[in-house]
PDB file of N, CA and C in Angstrom:
ATOM      1  N   MET A   1       0.851  -1.176   0.000  1.00  0.00           N
ATOM      2  CA  MET A   1       0.000   0.000   0.000  1.00  0.00           C
ATOM      3  C   MET A   1       0.899   1.242   0.000  1.00  0.00           C
ATOM      4  N   SER A   2       0.597   2.194  -0.865  1.00  0.00           N
ATOM      5  CA  SER A   2       1.410   3.404  -0.978  1.00  0.00           C
ATOM      6  C   SER A   2       1.053   4.405   0.122  1.00  0.00           C
ATOM      7  N   LYS A   3       1.898   5.415   0.287  1.00  0.00           N
ATOM      8  CA  LYS A   3       1.623   6.478   1.258  1.00  0.00           C
ATOM      9  C   LYS A   3       0.332   7.205   0.897  1.00  0.00           C
ATOM     10  N   TYR A   4       0.129   7.364  -0.419  1.00  0.00           N
ATOM     11  CA  TYR A   4      -1.080   8.046  -0.890  1.00  0.00           C
ATOM     12  C   TYR A   4      -2.330   7.271  -0.474  1.00  0.00           C
ATOM     13  N   ASP A   5      -2.302   5.946  -0.667  1.00  0.00           N
ATOM     14  CA  ASP A   5      -3.451   5.125  -0.279  1.00  0.00           C
ATOM     15  C   ASP A   5      -3.742   5.255   1.212  1.00  0.00           C
ATOM     16  N   LYS A   6      -2.667   5.242   2.012  1.00  0.00           N
ATOM     17  CA  LYS A   6      -2.847   5.364   3.457  1.00  0.00           C
ATOM     18  C   LYS A   6      -3.456   6.725   3.818  1.00  0.00           C
ATOM     19  N   LEU A   7      -2.994   7.787   3.145  1.00  0.00           N
ATOM     20  CA  LEU A   7      -3.549   9.115   3.403  1.00  0.00           C
ATOM     21  C   LEU A   7      -5.027   9.185   3.033  1.00  0.00           C
ATOM     22  N   GLN A   8      -5.384   8.576   1.925  1.00  0.00           N
ATOM     23  CA  GLN A   8      -6.785   8.572   1.497  1.00  0.00           C
ATOM     24  C   GLN A   8      -7.652   7.824   2.498  1.00  0.00           C
ATOM     25  N   ILE A   9      -7.154   6.718   3.000  1.00  0.00           N
ATOM     26  CA  ILE A   9      -7.905   5.950   3.989  1.00  0.00           C
ATOM     27  C   ILE A   9      -8.070   6.773   5.265  1.00  0.00           C
ATOM     28  N   GLN A  10      -6.989   7.415   5.719  1.00  0.00           N
ATOM     29  CA  GLN A  10      -7.058   8.238   6.918  1.00  0.00           C
ATOM     30  C   GLN A  10      -7.998   9.411   6.710  1.00  0.00           C
ATOM     31  N   LYS A  11      -7.931  10.036   5.557  1.00  0.00           N
ATOM     32  CA  LYS A  11      -8.798  11.172   5.261  1.00  0.00           C
ATOM     33  C   LYS A  11     -10.256  10.731   5.273  1.00  0.00           C
ATOM     34  N   GLY A  12     -10.540   9.600   4.658  1.00  0.00           N
ATOM     35  CA  GLY A  12     -11.912   9.084   4.656  1.00  0.00           C
ATOM     36  C   GLY A  12     -12.415   8.802   6.052  1.00  0.00           C
ATOM     37  N   ALA A  13     -11.541   8.279   6.902  1.00  0.00           N
ATOM     38  CA  ALA A  13     -11.921   7.981   8.279  1.00  0.00           C
ATOM     39  C   ALA A  13     -12.254   9.258   9.035  1.00  0.00           C
ATOM     40  N   THR A  14     -11.472  10.306   8.818  1.00  0.00           N
ATOM     41  CA  THR A  14     -11.746  11.562   9.519  1.00  0.00           C
ATOM     42  C   THR A  14     -13.006  12.220   8.993  1.00  0.00           C
ATOM     43  N   ASP A  15     -13.262  12.110   7.699  1.00  0.00           N
ATOM     44  CA  ASP A  15     -14.486  12.683   7.146  1.00  0.00           C
ATOM     45  C   ASP A  15     -15.715  12.029   7.762  1.00  0.00           C
ATOM     46  N   ARG A  16     -15.656  10.722   7.917  1.00  0.00           N
ATOM     47  CA  ARG A  16     -16.800  10.016   8.502  1.00  0.00           C
ATOM     48  C   ARG A  16     -16.930  10.289   9.988  1.00  0.00           C
ATOM     49  N   ALA A  17     -15.822  10.596  10.646  1.00  0.00           N
ATOM     50  CA  ALA A  17     -15.834  10.786  12.088  1.00  0.00           C
ATOM     51  C   ALA A  17     -16.162  12.219  12.491  1.00  0.00           C
ATOM     52  N   ARG A  18     -16.516  13.039  11.526  1.00  0.00           N
ATOM     53  CA  ARG A  18     -16.831  14.433  11.853  1.00  0.00           C
ATOM     54  C   ARG A  18     -17.954  14.491  12.858  1.00  0.00           C
ATOM     55  N   GLY A  19     -17.797  15.374  13.783  1.00  0.00           N
ATOM     56  CA  GLY A  19     -18.805  15.535  14.824  1.00  0.00           C
ATOM     57  C   GLY A  19     -19.859  16.538  14.410  1.00  0.00           C
ATOM     58  N   PRO A  20     -20.549  17.090  15.394  1.00  0.00           N
ATOM     59  CA  PRO A  20     -21.592  18.073  15.106  1.00  0.00           C
ATOM     60  C   PRO A  20     -21.002  19.321  14.464  1.00  0.00           C
ATOM     61  N   GLY A  21     -21.819  20.026  13.805  1.00  0.00           N
ATOM     62  CA  GLY A  21     -21.403  21.248  13.127  1.00  0.00           C
ATOM     63  C   GLY A  21     -22.257  21.439  11.901  1.00  0.00           C
ATOM     64  N   ARG A  22     -21.867  22.386  11.088  1.00  0.00           N
ATOM     65  CA  ARG A  22     -22.621  22.648   9.861  1.00  0.00           C
ATOM     66  C   ARG A  22     -22.427  21.515   8.879  1.00  0.00           C
ATOM     67  N   PRO A  23     -23.502  21.099   8.249  1.00  0.00           N
ATOM     68  CA  PRO A  23     -23.352  20.086   7.199  1.00  0.00           C
ATOM     69  C   PRO A  23     -22.661  20.685   5.984  1.00  0.00           C
ATOM     70  N   ARG A  24     -22.012  19.853   5.217  1.00  0.00           N
ATOM     71  CA  ARG A  24     -21.362  20.343   3.998  1.00  0.00           C
ATOM     72  C   ARG A  24     -22.433  20.708   2.985  1.00  0.00           C
ATOM     73  N   GLY A  25     -22.098  21.634   2.152  1.00  0.00           N
ATOM     74  CA  GLY A  25     -23.048  22.070   1.135  1.00  0.00           C
ATOM     75  C   GLY A  25     -23.616  23.424   1.501  1.00  0.00           C
ATOM     76  N   GLY A  26     -24.570  23.858   0.749  1.00  0.00           N
ATOM     77  CA  GLY A  26     -25.179  25.151   1.004  1.00  0.00           C
ATOM     78  C   GLY A  26     -24.407  26.272   0.336  1.00  0.00           C
ATOM     79  N   LYS A  27     -24.820  27.482   0.633  1.00  0.00           N
ATOM     80  CA  LYS A  27     -24.230  28.656  -0.018  1.00  0.00           C
ATOM     81  C   LYS A  27     -22.766  28.863   0.335  1.00  0.00           C
ATOM     82  N   SER A  28     -22.394  28.526   1.563  1.00  0.00           N
ATOM     83  CA  SER A  28     -21.013  28.796   1.972  1.00  0.00           C
ATOM     84  C   SER A  28     -19.996  27.983   1.188  1.00  0.00           C
ATOM     85  N   SER A  29     -20.416  26.856   0.622  1.00  0.00           N
ATOM     86  CA  SER A  29     -19.481  26.063  -0.174  1.00  0.00           C
ATOM     87  C   SER A  29     -19.763  26.155  -1.675  1.00  0.00           C
ATOM     88  N   ASP A  30     -20.735  26.981  -2.046  1.00  0.00           N
ATOM     89  CA  ASP A  30     -21.069  27.171  -3.454  1.00  0.00           C
ATOM     90  C   ASP A  30     -20.126  28.215  -4.050  1.00  0.00           C
ATOM     91  N   PRO A  31     -19.389  27.884  -5.113  1.00  0.00           N
ATOM     92  CA  PRO A  31     -18.434  28.835  -5.684  1.00  0.00           C
ATOM     93  C   PRO A  31     -19.087  30.078  -6.292  1.00  0.00           C
ATOM     94  N   ASN A  32     -20.396  30.073  -6.481  1.00  0.00           N
ATOM     95  CA  ASN A  32     -21.090  31.238  -7.024  1.00  0.00           C
ATOM     96  C   ASN A  32     -21.426  32.280  -5.951  1.00  0.00           C
ATOM     97  N   PHE A  33     -21.149  31.953  -4.699  1.00  0.00           N
ATOM     98  CA  PHE A  33     -21.443  32.865  -3.596  1.00  0.00           C
ATOM     99  C   PHE A  33     -20.149  33.297  -2.930  1.00  0.00           C
ATOM    100  N   VAL A  34     -20.161  34.503  -2.386  1.00  0.00           N
ATOM    101  CA  VAL A  34     -19.019  35.034  -1.650  1.00  0.00           C
ATOM    102  C   VAL A  34     -19.549  35.677  -0.368  1.00  0.00           C
ATOM    103  N   SER A  35     -18.820  35.499   0.711  1.00  0.00           N
ATOM    104  CA  SER A  35     -19.202  36.098   1.981  1.00  0.00           C
ATOM    105  C   SER A  35     -18.741  37.550   2.002  1.00  0.00           C
ATOM    106  N   THR A  36     -19.570  38.418   2.562  1.00  0.00           N
ATOM    107  CA  THR A  36     -19.216  39.824   2.666  1.00  0.00           C
ATOM    108  C   THR A  36     -19.806  40.396   3.940  1.00  0.00           C
ATOM    109  N   THR A  37     -19.353  41.552   4.328  1.00  0.00           N
ATOM    110  CA  THR A  37     -19.843  42.208   5.540  1.00  0.00           C
ATOM    111  C   THR A  37     -20.392  43.571   5.170  1.00  0.00           C
ATOM    112  N   ILE A  38     -21.556  43.896   5.715  1.00  0.00           N
ATOM    113  CA  ILE A  38     -22.142  45.215   5.522  1.00  0.00           C
ATOM    114  C   ILE A  38     -22.553  45.769   6.880  1.00  0.00           C
ATOM    115  N   LEU A  39     -22.688  47.061   6.956  1.00  0.00           N
ATOM    116  CA  LEU A  39     -23.146  47.700   8.188  1.00  0.00           C
ATOM    117  C   LEU A  39     -24.604  48.086   8.027  1.00  0.00           C
ATOM    118  N   LEU A  40     -25.411  47.661   8.990  1.00  0.00           N
ATOM    119  CA  LEU A  40     -26.829  48.001   9.032  1.00  0.00           C
ATOM    120  C   LEU A  40     -27.130  48.648  10.376  1.00  0.00           C
ATOM    121  N   ARG A  41     -28.134  49.493  10.379  1.00  0.00           N
ATOM    122  CA  ARG A  41     -28.597  49.993  11.668  1.00  0.00           C
ATOM    123  C   ARG A  41     -29.218  48.822  12.434  1.00  0.00           C
ATOM    124  N   LYS A  42     -29.082  48.840  13.746  1.00  0.00           N
ATOM    125  CA  LYS A  42     -29.582  47.739  14.567  1.00  0.00           C
ATOM    126  C   LYS A  42     -31.077  47.506  14.367  1.00  0.00           C
ATOM    127  N   ASP A  43     -31.838  48.592  14.306  1.00  0.00           N
ATOM    128  CA  ASP A  43     -33.285  48.438  14.139  1.00  0.00           C
ATOM    129  C   ASP A  43     -33.628  47.840  12.774  1.00  0.00           C
ATOM    130  N   GLN A  44     -32.883  48.213  11.732  1.00  0.00           N
ATOM    131  CA  GLN A  44     -33.119  47.637  10.408  1.00  0.00           C
ATOM    132  C   GLN A  44     -32.815  46.147  10.392  1.00  0.00           C
ATOM    133  N   LYS A  45     -31.705  45.763  11.010  1.00  0.00           N
ATOM    134  CA  LYS A  45     -31.334  44.349  11.024  1.00  0.00           C
ATOM    135  C   LYS A  45     -32.388  43.520  11.755  1.00  0.00           C
ATOM    136  N   LYS A  46     -32.857  44.014  12.876  1.00  0.00           N
ATOM    137  CA  LYS A  46     -33.867  43.289  13.647  1.00  0.00           C
ATOM    138  C   LYS A  46     -35.148  43.121  12.825  1.00  0.00           C
ATOM    139  N   ARG A  47     -35.587  44.210  12.176  1.00  0.00           N
ATOM    140  CA  ARG A  47     -36.797  44.139  11.350  1.00  0.00           C
ATOM    141  C   ARG A  47     -36.591  43.202  10.168  1.00  0.00           C
ATOM    142  N   LEU A  48     -35.401  43.250   9.554  1.00  0.00           N
ATOM    143  CA  LEU A  48     -35.075  42.360   8.439  1.00  0.00           C
ATOM    144  C   LEU A  48     -35.142  40.906   8.875  1.00  0.00           C
ATOM    145  N   GLN A  49     -34.535  40.604  10.012  1.00  0.00           N
ATOM    146  CA  GLN A  49     -34.544  39.227  10.510  1.00  0.00           C
ATOM    147  C   GLN A  49     -35.966  38.750  10.798  1.00  0.00           C
ATOM    148  N   MET A  50     -36.761  39.593  11.437  1.00  0.00           N
ATOM    149  CA  MET A  50     -38.133  39.204  11.788  1.00  0.00           C
ATOM    150  C   MET A  50     -38.978  38.981  10.534  1.00  0.00           C
ATOM    151  N   ARG A  51     -38.877  39.885   9.582  1.00  0.00           N
ATOM    152  CA  ARG A  51     -39.672  39.767   8.353  1.00  0.00           C
ATOM    153  C   ARG A  51     -39.256  38.533   7.552  1.00  0.00           C
ATOM    154  N   ALA A  52     -37.950  38.320   7.423  1.00  0.00           N
ATOM    155  CA  ALA A  52     -37.457  37.154   6.686  1.00  0.00           C
ATOM    156  C   ALA A  52     -37.920  35.866   7.359  1.00  0.00           C
ATOM    157  N   LEU A  53     -37.852  35.826   8.679  1.00  0.00           N
ATOM    158  CA  LEU A  53     -38.311  34.646   9.412  1.00  0.00           C
ATOM    159  C   LEU A  53     -39.802  34.414   9.204  1.00  0.00           C
ATOM    160  N   ASP A  54     -40.584  35.481   9.290  1.00  0.00           N
ATOM    161  CA  ASP A  54     -42.032  35.379   9.071  1.00  0.00           C
ATOM    162  C   ASP A  54     -42.366  34.814   7.692  1.00  0.00           C
ATOM    163  N   GLU A  55     -41.555  35.185   6.695  1.00  0.00           N
ATOM    164  CA  GLU A  55     -41.823  34.758   5.322  1.00  0.00           C
ATOM    165  C   GLU A  55     -41.039  33.511   4.929  1.00  0.00           C
ATOM    166  N   GLY A  56     -40.280  32.961   5.878  1.00  0.00           N
ATOM    167  CA  GLY A  56     -39.514  31.749   5.605  1.00  0.00           C
ATOM    168  C   GLY A  56     -38.376  31.952   4.625  1.00  0.00           C
ATOM    169  N   LEU A  57     -37.779  33.137   4.664  1.00  0.00           N
ATOM    170  CA  LEU A  57     -36.703  33.473   3.741  1.00  0.00           C
ATOM    171  C   LEU A  57     -35.364  33.552   4.460  1.00  0.00           C
ATOM    172  N   ASP A  58     -34.310  33.329   3.713  1.00  0.00           N
ATOM    173  CA  ASP A  58     -32.950  33.482   4.190  1.00  0.00           C
ATOM    174  C   ASP A  58     -32.543  34.941   3.969  1.00  0.00           C
ATOM    175  N   LEU A  59     -31.786  35.520   4.907  1.00  0.00           N
ATOM    176  CA  LEU A  59     -31.382  36.925   4.769  1.00  0.00           C
ATOM    177  C   LEU A  59     -30.634  37.182   3.469  1.00  0.00           C
ATOM    178  N   SER A  60     -29.767  36.257   3.076  1.00  0.00           N
ATOM    179  CA  SER A  60     -29.017  36.473   1.842  1.00  0.00           C
ATOM    180  C   SER A  60     -29.923  36.440   0.614  1.00  0.00           C
ATOM    181  N   ASP A  61     -31.022  35.687   0.679  1.00  0.00           N
ATOM    182  CA  ASP A  61     -31.980  35.677  -0.433  1.00  0.00           C
ATOM    183  C   ASP A  61     -32.688  37.026  -0.539  1.00  0.00           C
ATOM    184  N   VAL A  62     -33.075  37.591   0.595  1.00  0.00           N
ATOM    185  CA  VAL A  62     -33.744  38.891   0.599  1.00  0.00           C
ATOM    186  C   VAL A  62     -32.809  39.961   0.039  1.00  0.00           C
ATOM    187  N   VAL A  63     -31.605  40.028   0.575  1.00  0.00           N
ATOM    188  CA  VAL A  63     -30.643  41.036   0.128  1.00  0.00           C
ATOM    189  C   VAL A  63     -30.288  40.826  -1.342  1.00  0.00           C
ATOM    190  N   GLY A  64     -30.084  39.579  -1.747  1.00  0.00           N
ATOM    191  CA  GLY A  64     -29.753  39.283  -3.135  1.00  0.00           C
ATOM    192  C   GLY A  64     -30.845  39.692  -4.104  1.00  0.00           C
ATOM    193  N   THR A  65     -32.097  39.441  -3.732  1.00  0.00           N
ATOM    194  CA  THR A  65     -33.224  39.810  -4.591  1.00  0.00           C
ATOM    195  C   THR A  65     -33.329  41.329  -4.725  1.00  0.00           C
ATOM    196  N   LEU A  66     -33.205  42.024  -3.608  1.00  0.00           N
ATOM    197  CA  LEU A  66     -33.274  43.490  -3.653  1.00  0.00           C
ATOM    198  C   LEU A  66     -32.093  44.083  -4.419  1.00  0.00           C
ATOM    199  N   LEU A  67     -30.923  43.546  -4.225  1.00  0.00           N
ATOM    200  CA  LEU A  67     -29.742  44.021  -4.932  1.00  0.00           C
ATOM    201  C   LEU A  67     -29.879  43.798  -6.438  1.00  0.00           C
ATOM    202  N   GLU A  68     -30.363  42.654  -6.825  1.00  0.00           N
ATOM    203  CA  GLU A  68     -30.549  42.353  -8.255  1.00  0.00           C
ATOM    204  C   GLU A  68     -31.561  43.313  -8.881  1.00  0.00           C
ATOM    205  N   ALA A  69     -32.653  43.606  -8.154  1.00  0.00           N
ATOM    206  CA  ALA A  69     -33.645  44.553  -8.664  1.00  0.00           C
ATOM    207  C   ALA A  69     -33.026  45.939  -8.857  1.00  0.00           C
ATOM    208  N   TRP A  70     -32.179  46.359  -7.937  1.00  0.00           N
ATOM    209  CA  TRP A  70     -31.507  47.650  -8.058  1.00  0.00           C
ATOM    210  C   TRP A  70     -30.526  47.650  -9.229  1.00  0.00           C
ATOM    211  N   LEU A  71     -29.757  46.575  -9.366  1.00  0.00           N
ATOM    212  CA  LEU A  71     -28.786  46.484 -10.459  1.00  0.00           C
ATOM    213  C   LEU A  71     -29.463  46.488 -11.837  1.00  0.00           C
ATOM    214  N   GLU A  72     -30.662  45.925 -11.912  1.00  0.00           N
ATOM    215  CA  GLU A  72     -31.424  45.888 -13.159  1.00  0.00           C
ATOM    216  C   GLU A  72     -32.186  47.193 -13.418  1.00  0.00           C
ATOM    217  N   GLY A  73     -32.078  48.132 -12.491  1.00  0.00           N
ATOM    218  CA  GLY A  73     -32.752  49.418 -12.668  1.00  0.00           C
ATOM    219  C   GLY A  73     -34.220  49.401 -12.303  1.00  0.00           C
ATOM    220  N   GLU A  74     -34.663  48.334 -11.643  1.00  0.00           N
ATOM    221  CA  GLU A  74     -36.076  48.220 -11.259  1.00  0.00           C
ATOM    222  C   GLU A  74     -36.387  48.987  -9.980  1.00  0.00           C
ATOM    223  N   VAL A  75     -35.346  49.296  -9.222  1.00  0.00           N
ATOM    224  CA  VAL A  75     -35.499  50.025  -7.962  1.00  0.00           C
ATOM    225  C   VAL A  75     -34.540  51.201  -7.981  1.00  0.00           C
ATOM    226  N   LYS A  76     -35.041  52.361  -7.615  1.00  0.00           N
ATOM    227  CA  LYS A  76     -34.201  53.563  -7.541  1.00  0.00           C
ATOM    228  C   LYS A  76     -33.900  53.865  -6.066  1.00  0.00           C
ATOM    229  N   ILE A  77     -32.688  54.317  -5.813  1.00  0.00           N
ATOM    230  CA  ILE A  77     -32.297  54.671  -4.440  1.00  0.00           C
ATOM    231  C   ILE A  77     -32.006  56.151  -4.401  1.00  0.00           C
TER     232      ILE A  77
END
């Protein structure tokens, strides 16, 4: 057995032995998405979170939809 084979076996064992945490997949591992930071007023963020939760939406989906509408010229600021 080569060193490479042993490493692959060890890697597979550690992948299976992963404990609790975020599951793989989703937006954070999608190459079409990038993480960024923005500043919001506290009251706006709270209202955004509550409204998104009420409508069953993800915050990034809300922001992405509004941003796309602005970029397409559908919304004026």
